[in-house]
Amino acid sequence: MVKKSGNIIKARAEADEKLLSRERILSAAKRVFAESGYQGARLGSIARKASVNQALIHYYFASKDNLYQEVLRRLFGVDEIIDLPGRFSQWSLSPAEQLMAALYFMVHFHHDGIDPDFNKIVAREIAEGRANIKSLVSIYILPRIETIESIILNGVKAGVFETRHPMLTVFNIISLVISYESNRENYRDTPLFGRLYNVESHDEFFAFVVEYIFKALKPEGKKLKIPELPETLTAMIDSTIMELKQRQKWLEL
């Protein structure tokens, strides 16, 4: 019985070590791909940064391309897709409340959450003319965008929203949120940083996004109505965000 228990502990330790090695490789690869691009990255450099034998990279990922694809999947949150509308269903939300919940999720999820290597890898991906991003957008990003578009379309049908182009409205939301967070480091140590990213800036930014989008969607002649979300719902969204961010963590090397 003691021997069996010892074997179980040993097996778990080996599994943990394998997982750690794999995570070290992914984290190192992210940095090297950001610094050198796909074409300039070398598996030897990744192995040295991860402090592992290069053979381990081949063991876990088989090729540089597979490793690159895995890094892109993690950066784009491909494996972290959660059925948020399904989780919202128990609250029977109106279109306005659904949009409010979506805005709450987007702003709070991206708060301090844009990986600085993300923009570098995307820029190098575009410069190298590879089709990986197009494929990721088509398969994984578009469905998320269309979910918000459907909320707006339902609001238009219900007469609570008015817009000439629902999809452009969605892109307006995404661009606003992503641009604000991705430029955080660009503005650090400049006079603009304190005005944009002060201690209270996150709450101010969320309030601004909500007011800006609901004003843009307000039907002509109607009063602006911004819904409040139940505390149980915001608590669920906060919990979901913590769950997602935990899955998207990278090791510090």
C-alpha atoms as a PDB file:
ATOM      1  CA  MET A   1       0.000   0.000   0.000  1.00  0.00           C
ATOM      2  CA  VAL A   2       2.884   2.352   0.884  1.00  0.00           C
ATOM      3  CA  LYS A   3       4.642   1.497  -2.380  1.00  0.00           C
ATOM      4  CA  LYS A   4       1.471   2.204  -4.412  1.00  0.00           C
ATOM      5  CA  SER A   5       1.004   5.550  -2.664  1.00  0.00           C
ATOM      6  CA  GLY A   6       4.642   6.430  -3.380  1.00  0.00           C
ATOM      7  CA  ASN A   7       4.185   5.599  -7.055  1.00  0.00           C
ATOM      8  CA  ILE A   8       1.126   7.863  -7.256  1.00  0.00           C
ATOM      9  CA  ILE A   9       3.022  10.761  -5.683  1.00  0.00           C
ATOM     10  CA  LYS A  10       5.961  10.187  -8.056  1.00  0.00           C
ATOM     11  CA  ALA A  11       3.639  10.064 -11.080  1.00  0.00           C
ATOM     12  CA  ARG A  12       1.980  13.334 -10.027  1.00  0.00           C
ATOM     13  CA  ALA A  13       5.363  14.991  -9.523  1.00  0.00           C
ATOM     14  CA  GLU A  14       6.470  13.887 -12.995  1.00  0.00           C
ATOM     15  CA  ALA A  15       3.222  15.156 -14.521  1.00  0.00           C
ATOM     16  CA  ASP A  16       3.667  18.523 -12.773  1.00  0.00           C
ATOM     17  CA  GLU A  17       7.265  18.744 -14.016  1.00  0.00           C
ATOM     18  CA  LYS A  18       6.161  18.013 -17.589  1.00  0.00           C
ATOM     19  CA  LEU A  19       3.453  20.676 -17.378  1.00  0.00           C
ATOM     20  CA  LEU A  20       5.946  23.194 -15.983  1.00  0.00           C
ATOM     21  CA  SER A  21       8.445  22.455 -18.774  1.00  0.00           C
ATOM     22  CA  ARG A  22       5.720  22.885 -21.387  1.00  0.00           C
ATOM     23  CA  GLU A  23       4.639  26.196 -19.855  1.00  0.00           C
ATOM     24  CA  ARG A  24       8.245  27.411 -19.713  1.00  0.00           C
ATOM     25  CA  ILE A  25       8.630  26.649 -23.415  1.00  0.00           C
ATOM     26  CA  LEU A  26       5.403  28.493 -24.298  1.00  0.00           C
ATOM     27  CA  SER A  27       6.353  31.550 -22.232  1.00  0.00           C
ATOM     28  CA  ALA A  28       9.852  31.623 -23.705  1.00  0.00           C
ATOM     29  CA  ALA A  29       8.473  31.181 -27.225  1.00  0.00           C
ATOM     30  CA  LYS A  30       6.104  34.112 -26.767  1.00  0.00           C
ATOM     31  CA  ARG A  31       9.025  36.392 -25.906  1.00  0.00           C
ATOM     32  CA  VAL A  32      11.241  35.149 -28.740  1.00  0.00           C
ATOM     33  CA  PHE A  33       8.455  35.388 -31.341  1.00  0.00           C
ATOM     34  CA  ALA A  34       7.727  38.932 -30.113  1.00  0.00           C
ATOM     35  CA  GLU A  35      11.400  39.918 -30.392  1.00  0.00           C
ATOM     36  CA  SER A  36      12.290  38.120 -33.631  1.00  0.00           C
ATOM     37  CA  GLY A  37       9.053  37.247 -35.413  1.00  0.00           C
ATOM     38  CA  TYR A  38       8.226  33.769 -36.652  1.00  0.00           C
ATOM     39  CA  GLN A  39      10.864  33.733 -39.369  1.00  0.00           C
ATOM     40  CA  GLY A  40      13.648  35.044 -37.145  1.00  0.00           C
ATOM     41  CA  ALA A  41      12.870  32.873 -34.116  1.00  0.00           C
ATOM     42  CA  ARG A  42      15.150  29.913 -33.472  1.00  0.00           C
ATOM     43  CA  LEU A  43      14.223  26.883 -31.390  1.00  0.00           C
ATOM     44  CA  GLY A  44      17.669  27.017 -29.811  1.00  0.00           C
ATOM     45  CA  SER A  45      16.986  30.545 -28.525  1.00  0.00           C
ATOM     46  CA  ILE A  46      13.615  29.448 -27.164  1.00  0.00           C
ATOM     47  CA  ALA A  47      15.191  26.434 -25.433  1.00  0.00           C
ATOM     48  CA  ARG A  48      17.863  28.600 -23.800  1.00  0.00           C
ATOM     49  CA  LYS A  49      15.320  31.160 -22.592  1.00  0.00           C
ATOM     50  CA  ALA A  50      13.141  28.340 -21.207  1.00  0.00           C
ATOM     51  CA  SER A  51      16.195  26.593 -19.668  1.00  0.00           C
ATOM     52  CA  VAL A  52      15.230  23.286 -21.300  1.00  0.00           C
ATOM     53  CA  ASN A  53      16.783  20.902 -23.779  1.00  0.00           C
ATOM     54  CA  GLN A  54      15.746  21.707 -27.369  1.00  0.00           C
ATOM     55  CA  ALA A  55      14.608  18.097 -27.758  1.00  0.00           C
ATOM     56  CA  LEU A  56      11.793  18.861 -25.301  1.00  0.00           C
ATOM     57  CA  ILE A  57      10.359  21.413 -27.717  1.00  0.00           C
ATOM     58  CA  HIS A  58      10.151  18.755 -30.405  1.00  0.00           C
ATOM     59  CA  TYR A  59       8.684  16.321 -27.875  1.00  0.00           C
ATOM     60  CA  TYR A  60       5.846  18.650 -26.826  1.00  0.00           C
ATOM     61  CA  PHE A  61       5.207  20.570 -30.049  1.00  0.00           C
ATOM     62  CA  ALA A  62       6.930  18.612 -32.870  1.00  0.00           C
ATOM     63  CA  SER A  63       7.783  21.764 -34.860  1.00  0.00           C
ATOM     64  CA  LYS A  64       8.301  25.518 -34.639  1.00  0.00           C
ATOM     65  CA  ASP A  65       5.057  26.068 -36.524  1.00  0.00           C
ATOM     66  CA  ASN A  66       3.045  24.025 -34.018  1.00  0.00           C
ATOM     67  CA  LEU A  67       4.668  25.954 -31.166  1.00  0.00           C
ATOM     68  CA  TYR A  68       3.860  29.266 -32.853  1.00  0.00           C
ATOM     69  CA  GLN A  69       0.242  28.236 -33.388  1.00  0.00           C
ATOM     70  CA  GLU A  70      -0.046  27.327 -29.701  1.00  0.00           C
ATOM     71  CA  VAL A  71       1.341  30.726 -28.654  1.00  0.00           C
ATOM     72  CA  LEU A  72      -1.158  32.483 -30.938  1.00  0.00           C
ATOM     73  CA  ARG A  73      -4.020  30.400 -29.533  1.00  0.00           C
ATOM     74  CA  ARG A  74      -3.082  31.389 -25.990  1.00  0.00           C
ATOM     75  CA  LEU A  75      -2.668  35.079 -26.869  1.00  0.00           C
ATOM     76  CA  PHE A  76      -6.027  35.197 -28.659  1.00  0.00           C
ATOM     77  CA  GLY A  77      -7.740  33.288 -25.849  1.00  0.00           C
ATOM     78  CA  VAL A  78      -8.886  30.563 -28.213  1.00  0.00           C
ATOM     79  CA  ASP A  79      -9.033  27.907 -25.499  1.00  0.00           C
ATOM     80  CA  GLU A  80     -10.660  30.297 -23.044  1.00  0.00           C
ATOM     81  CA  ILE A  81     -13.936  30.785 -24.921  1.00  0.00           C
ATOM     82  CA  ILE A  82     -16.825  30.602 -22.472  1.00  0.00           C
ATOM     83  CA  ASP A  83     -20.523  30.606 -23.312  1.00  0.00           C
ATOM     84  CA  LEU A  84     -21.315  33.909 -21.629  1.00  0.00           C
ATOM     85  CA  PRO A  85     -24.827  34.232 -23.125  1.00  0.00           C
ATOM     86  CA  GLY A  86     -25.542  30.778 -21.692  1.00  0.00           C
ATOM     87  CA  ARG A  87     -24.345  31.888 -18.280  1.00  0.00           C
ATOM     88  CA  PHE A  88     -26.507  35.017 -18.522  1.00  0.00           C
ATOM     89  CA  SER A  89     -29.658  33.033 -19.359  1.00  0.00           C
ATOM     90  CA  GLN A  90     -30.810  32.547 -15.763  1.00  0.00           C
ATOM     91  CA  TRP A  91     -31.288  36.325 -15.415  1.00  0.00           C
ATOM     92  CA  SER A  92     -33.696  36.765 -18.407  1.00  0.00           C
ATOM     93  CA  LEU A  93     -31.948  39.962 -19.470  1.00  0.00           C
ATOM     94  CA  SER A  94     -33.368  42.570 -21.831  1.00  0.00           C
ATOM     95  CA  PRO A  95     -31.225  43.584 -24.854  1.00  0.00           C
ATOM     96  CA  ALA A  96     -30.084  46.710 -22.974  1.00  0.00           C
ATOM     97  CA  GLU A  97     -29.062  44.613 -19.940  1.00  0.00           C
ATOM     98  CA  GLN A  98     -27.311  42.079 -22.195  1.00  0.00           C
ATOM     99  CA  LEU A  99     -25.307  44.877 -23.812  1.00  0.00           C
ATOM    100  CA  MET A 100     -24.494  46.313 -20.382  1.00  0.00           C
ATOM    101  CA  ALA A 101     -23.261  42.883 -19.254  1.00  0.00           C
ATOM    102  CA  ALA A 102     -21.152  42.531 -22.428  1.00  0.00           C
ATOM    103  CA  LEU A 103     -19.586  45.967 -21.887  1.00  0.00           C
ATOM    104  CA  TYR A 104     -18.924  45.145 -18.232  1.00  0.00           C
ATOM    105  CA  PHE A 105     -17.172  41.937 -19.255  1.00  0.00           C
ATOM    106  CA  MET A 106     -15.094  43.516 -22.043  1.00  0.00           C
ATOM    107  CA  VAL A 107     -13.850  46.503 -20.041  1.00  0.00           C
ATOM    108  CA  HIS A 108     -13.085  44.533 -16.883  1.00  0.00           C
ATOM    109  CA  PHE A 109     -11.534  41.587 -18.713  1.00  0.00           C
ATOM    110  CA  HIS A 110      -9.117  43.777 -20.674  1.00  0.00           C
ATOM    111  CA  HIS A 111      -8.238  46.014 -17.706  1.00  0.00           C
ATOM    112  CA  ASP A 112      -4.446  45.664 -17.315  1.00  0.00           C
ATOM    113  CA  GLY A 113      -4.816  42.543 -19.413  1.00  0.00           C
ATOM    114  CA  ILE A 114      -3.250  43.328 -22.806  1.00  0.00           C
ATOM    115  CA  ASP A 115      -0.032  41.353 -23.041  1.00  0.00           C
ATOM    116  CA  PRO A 116       2.714  43.737 -24.311  1.00  0.00           C
ATOM    117  CA  ASP A 117       4.027  40.933 -26.526  1.00  0.00           C
ATOM    118  CA  PHE A 118       0.608  40.611 -28.195  1.00  0.00           C
ATOM    119  CA  ASN A 119       0.969  43.800 -30.239  1.00  0.00           C
ATOM    120  CA  LYS A 120       4.559  42.922 -31.179  1.00  0.00           C
ATOM    121  CA  ILE A 121       3.608  39.464 -32.422  1.00  0.00           C
ATOM    122  CA  VAL A 122       0.603  40.795 -34.343  1.00  0.00           C
ATOM    123  CA  ALA A 123       2.778  43.502 -35.965  1.00  0.00           C
ATOM    124  CA  ARG A 124       5.395  40.948 -36.995  1.00  0.00           C
ATOM    125  CA  GLU A 125       2.701  38.555 -38.200  1.00  0.00           C
ATOM    126  CA  ILE A 126       1.323  41.254 -40.490  1.00  0.00           C
ATOM    127  CA  ALA A 127       4.803  42.240 -41.702  1.00  0.00           C
ATOM    128  CA  GLU A 128       5.627  38.627 -42.539  1.00  0.00           C
ATOM    129  CA  GLY A 129       2.407  38.251 -44.505  1.00  0.00           C
ATOM    130  CA  ARG A 130       1.259  35.089 -42.758  1.00  0.00           C
ATOM    131  CA  ALA A 131      -2.405  34.042 -42.724  1.00  0.00           C
ATOM    132  CA  ASN A 132      -2.577  32.886 -39.079  1.00  0.00           C
ATOM    133  CA  ILE A 133      -4.396  35.953 -37.814  1.00  0.00           C
ATOM    134  CA  LYS A 134      -6.993  35.791 -40.609  1.00  0.00           C
ATOM    135  CA  SER A 135      -7.748  32.216 -39.654  1.00  0.00           C
ATOM    136  CA  LEU A 136      -7.951  33.023 -35.914  1.00  0.00           C
ATOM    137  CA  VAL A 137     -10.249  35.985 -36.585  1.00  0.00           C
ATOM    138  CA  SER A 138     -12.537  33.972 -38.857  1.00  0.00           C
ATOM    139  CA  ILE A 139     -12.845  30.948 -36.603  1.00  0.00           C
ATOM    140  CA  TYR A 140     -12.641  32.373 -33.097  1.00  0.00           C
ATOM    141  CA  ILE A 141     -12.960  36.174 -33.008  1.00  0.00           C
ATOM    142  CA  LEU A 142     -15.852  36.639 -35.454  1.00  0.00           C
ATOM    143  CA  PRO A 143     -18.318  34.531 -33.385  1.00  0.00           C
ATOM    144  CA  ARG A 144     -17.603  36.729 -30.342  1.00  0.00           C
ATOM    145  CA  ILE A 145     -18.181  39.870 -32.403  1.00  0.00           C
ATOM    146  CA  GLU A 146     -21.405  38.457 -33.847  1.00  0.00           C
ATOM    147  CA  THR A 147     -22.684  37.698 -30.346  1.00  0.00           C
ATOM    148  CA  ILE A 148     -22.574  41.403 -29.473  1.00  0.00           C
ATOM    149  CA  GLU A 149     -23.989  42.302 -32.890  1.00  0.00           C
ATOM    150  CA  SER A 150     -26.974  40.024 -32.257  1.00  0.00           C
ATOM    151  CA  ILE A 151     -27.627  41.766 -28.937  1.00  0.00           C
ATOM    152  CA  ILE A 152     -27.726  45.121 -30.725  1.00  0.00           C
ATOM    153  CA  LEU A 153     -29.931  43.743 -33.513  1.00  0.00           C
ATOM    154  CA  ASN A 154     -32.399  42.410 -30.918  1.00  0.00           C
ATOM    155  CA  GLY A 155     -32.384  45.830 -29.275  1.00  0.00           C
ATOM    156  CA  VAL A 156     -33.133  47.496 -32.611  1.00  0.00           C
ATOM    157  CA  LYS A 157     -36.075  45.123 -33.148  1.00  0.00           C
ATOM    158  CA  ALA A 158     -37.349  45.897 -29.645  1.00  0.00           C
ATOM    159  CA  GLY A 159     -37.095  49.632 -30.316  1.00  0.00           C
ATOM    160  CA  VAL A 160     -34.577  50.306 -27.520  1.00  0.00           C
ATOM    161  CA  PHE A 161     -31.582  50.760 -29.863  1.00  0.00           C
ATOM    162  CA  GLU A 162     -31.171  52.626 -33.127  1.00  0.00           C
ATOM    163  CA  THR A 163     -28.145  52.361 -35.415  1.00  0.00           C
ATOM    164  CA  ARG A 164     -27.436  52.452 -39.110  1.00  0.00           C
ATOM    165  CA  HIS A 165     -24.762  49.749 -38.881  1.00  0.00           C
ATOM    166  CA  PRO A 166     -24.751  47.323 -35.897  1.00  0.00           C
ATOM    167  CA  MET A 167     -21.449  45.693 -36.898  1.00  0.00           C
ATOM    168  CA  LEU A 168     -19.641  49.045 -37.059  1.00  0.00           C
ATOM    169  CA  THR A 169     -21.048  49.807 -33.618  1.00  0.00           C
ATOM    170  CA  VAL A 170     -19.476  46.588 -32.340  1.00  0.00           C
ATOM    171  CA  PHE A 171     -16.144  47.495 -33.923  1.00  0.00           C
ATOM    172  CA  ASN A 172     -16.399  50.923 -32.323  1.00  0.00           C
ATOM    173  CA  ILE A 173     -16.775  49.258 -28.910  1.00  0.00           C
ATOM    174  CA  ILE A 174     -13.905  46.822 -29.468  1.00  0.00           C
ATOM    175  CA  SER A 175     -11.566  49.473 -30.875  1.00  0.00           C
ATOM    176  CA  LEU A 176     -12.255  51.803 -27.966  1.00  0.00           C
ATOM    177  CA  VAL A 177     -11.606  49.184 -25.285  1.00  0.00           C
ATOM    178  CA  ILE A 178      -8.586  47.533 -26.933  1.00  0.00           C
ATOM    179  CA  SER A 179      -6.963  50.823 -27.935  1.00  0.00           C
ATOM    180  CA  TYR A 180      -7.291  52.221 -24.411  1.00  0.00           C
ATOM    181  CA  GLU A 181      -5.619  49.215 -22.788  1.00  0.00           C
ATOM    182  CA  SER A 182      -3.024  48.474 -25.483  1.00  0.00           C
ATOM    183  CA  ASN A 183      -1.742  52.076 -25.337  1.00  0.00           C
ATOM    184  CA  ARG A 184      -1.237  52.013 -21.565  1.00  0.00           C
ATOM    185  CA  GLU A 185       2.504  51.323 -21.873  1.00  0.00           C
ATOM    186  CA  ASN A 186       2.897  53.730 -24.807  1.00  0.00           C
ATOM    187  CA  TYR A 187       1.715  56.621 -22.641  1.00  0.00           C
ATOM    188  CA  ARG A 188       3.565  55.633 -19.471  1.00  0.00           C
ATOM    189  CA  ASP A 189       6.022  58.328 -18.287  1.00  0.00           C
ATOM    190  CA  THR A 190       4.302  60.968 -20.413  1.00  0.00           C
ATOM    191  CA  PRO A 191       2.037  63.846 -19.274  1.00  0.00           C
ATOM    192  CA  LEU A 192      -0.961  61.999 -20.760  1.00  0.00           C
ATOM    193  CA  PHE A 193      -0.563  58.908 -18.604  1.00  0.00           C
ATOM    194  CA  GLY A 194      -1.797  60.447 -15.356  1.00  0.00           C
ATOM    195  CA  ARG A 195      -4.785  61.988 -17.132  1.00  0.00           C
ATOM    196  CA  LEU A 196      -5.786  58.736 -18.805  1.00  0.00           C
ATOM    197  CA  TYR A 197      -4.726  56.083 -16.301  1.00  0.00           C
ATOM    198  CA  ASN A 198      -5.032  57.566 -12.815  1.00  0.00           C
ATOM    199  CA  VAL A 199      -6.155  55.565  -9.785  1.00  0.00           C
ATOM    200  CA  GLU A 200      -9.841  56.051 -10.580  1.00  0.00           C
ATOM    201  CA  SER A 201      -9.421  55.728 -14.342  1.00  0.00           C
ATOM    202  CA  HIS A 202     -10.802  52.190 -14.638  1.00  0.00           C
ATOM    203  CA  ASP A 203     -14.192  53.079 -13.150  1.00  0.00           C
ATOM    204  CA  GLU A 204     -14.198  56.328 -15.104  1.00  0.00           C
ATOM    205  CA  PHE A 205     -13.389  54.519 -18.329  1.00  0.00           C
ATOM    206  CA  PHE A 206     -16.141  51.944 -17.807  1.00  0.00           C
ATOM    207  CA  ALA A 207     -18.678  54.713 -17.067  1.00  0.00           C
ATOM    208  CA  PHE A 208     -17.525  56.578 -20.185  1.00  0.00           C
ATOM    209  CA  VAL A 209     -17.804  53.503 -22.432  1.00  0.00           C
ATOM    210  CA  VAL A 210     -21.305  52.712 -21.155  1.00  0.00           C
ATOM    211  CA  GLU A 211     -22.577  56.284 -21.578  1.00  0.00           C
ATOM    212  CA  TYR A 212     -20.870  56.693 -24.972  1.00  0.00           C
ATOM    213  CA  ILE A 213     -22.282  53.479 -26.443  1.00  0.00           C
ATOM    214  CA  PHE A 214     -25.791  53.831 -25.018  1.00  0.00           C
ATOM    215  CA  LYS A 215     -25.971  57.436 -26.259  1.00  0.00           C
ATOM    216  CA  ALA A 216     -24.850  56.275 -29.707  1.00  0.00           C
ATOM    217  CA  LEU A 217     -27.601  53.636 -29.752  1.00  0.00           C
ATOM    218  CA  LYS A 218     -30.375  55.788 -28.248  1.00  0.00           C
ATOM    219  CA  PRO A 219     -33.352  56.123 -30.608  1.00  0.00           C
ATOM    220  CA  GLU A 220     -34.064  59.715 -31.615  1.00  0.00           C
ATOM    221  CA  GLY A 221     -36.576  61.412 -29.339  1.00  0.00           C
ATOM    222  CA  LYS A 222     -36.219  58.896 -26.495  1.00  0.00           C
ATOM    223  CA  LYS A 223     -34.613  59.480 -23.121  1.00  0.00           C
ATOM    224  CA  LEU A 224     -31.286  57.851 -22.371  1.00  0.00           C
ATOM    225  CA  LYS A 225     -31.817  54.755 -20.214  1.00  0.00           C
ATOM    226  CA  ILE A 226     -28.774  52.947 -18.840  1.00  0.00           C
ATOM    227  CA  PRO A 227     -29.708  49.735 -17.003  1.00  0.00           C
ATOM    228  CA  GLU A 228     -28.218  48.485 -13.756  1.00  0.00           C
ATOM    229  CA  LEU A 229     -27.058  44.886 -13.487  1.00  0.00           C
ATOM    230  CA  PRO A 230     -27.950  42.637 -10.542  1.00  0.00           C
ATOM    231  CA  GLU A 231     -25.047  42.255  -8.112  1.00  0.00           C
ATOM    232  CA  THR A 232     -25.255  38.489  -8.504  1.00  0.00           C
ATOM    233  CA  LEU A 233     -24.662  38.893 -12.241  1.00  0.00           C
ATOM    234  CA  THR A 234     -21.651  41.210 -11.883  1.00  0.00           C
ATOM    235  CA  ALA A 235     -20.234  38.814  -9.281  1.00  0.00           C
ATOM    236  CA  MET A 236     -20.604  35.956 -11.777  1.00  0.00           C
ATOM    237  CA  ILE A 237     -18.878  38.005 -14.495  1.00  0.00           C
ATOM    238  CA  ASP A 238     -16.050  38.940 -12.104  1.00  0.00           C
ATOM    239  CA  SER A 239     -15.611  35.249 -11.242  1.00  0.00           C
ATOM    240  CA  THR A 240     -15.569  34.321 -14.940  1.00  0.00           C
ATOM    241  CA  ILE A 241     -12.933  36.964 -15.655  1.00  0.00           C
ATOM    242  CA  MET A 242     -10.725  35.630 -12.860  1.00  0.00           C
ATOM    243  CA  GLU A 243     -11.152  32.112 -14.262  1.00  0.00           C
ATOM    244  CA  LEU A 244     -10.168  33.219 -17.769  1.00  0.00           C
ATOM    245  CA  LYS A 245      -7.162  35.261 -16.660  1.00  0.00           C
ATOM    246  CA  GLN A 246      -5.905  32.337 -14.624  1.00  0.00           C
ATOM    247  CA  ARG A 247      -6.004  30.151 -17.746  1.00  0.00           C
ATOM    248  CA  GLN A 248      -4.180  32.769 -19.819  1.00  0.00           C
ATOM    249  CA  LYS A 249      -1.275  33.272 -17.429  1.00  0.00           C
ATOM    250  CA  TRP A 250       2.295  33.071 -18.709  1.00  0.00           C
ATOM    251  CA  LEU A 251       5.297  32.118 -16.608  1.00  0.00           C
ATOM    252  CA  GLU A 252       7.819  34.823 -15.738  1.00  0.00           C
ATOM    253  CA  LEU A 253      11.248  33.623 -16.878  1.00  0.00           C
END
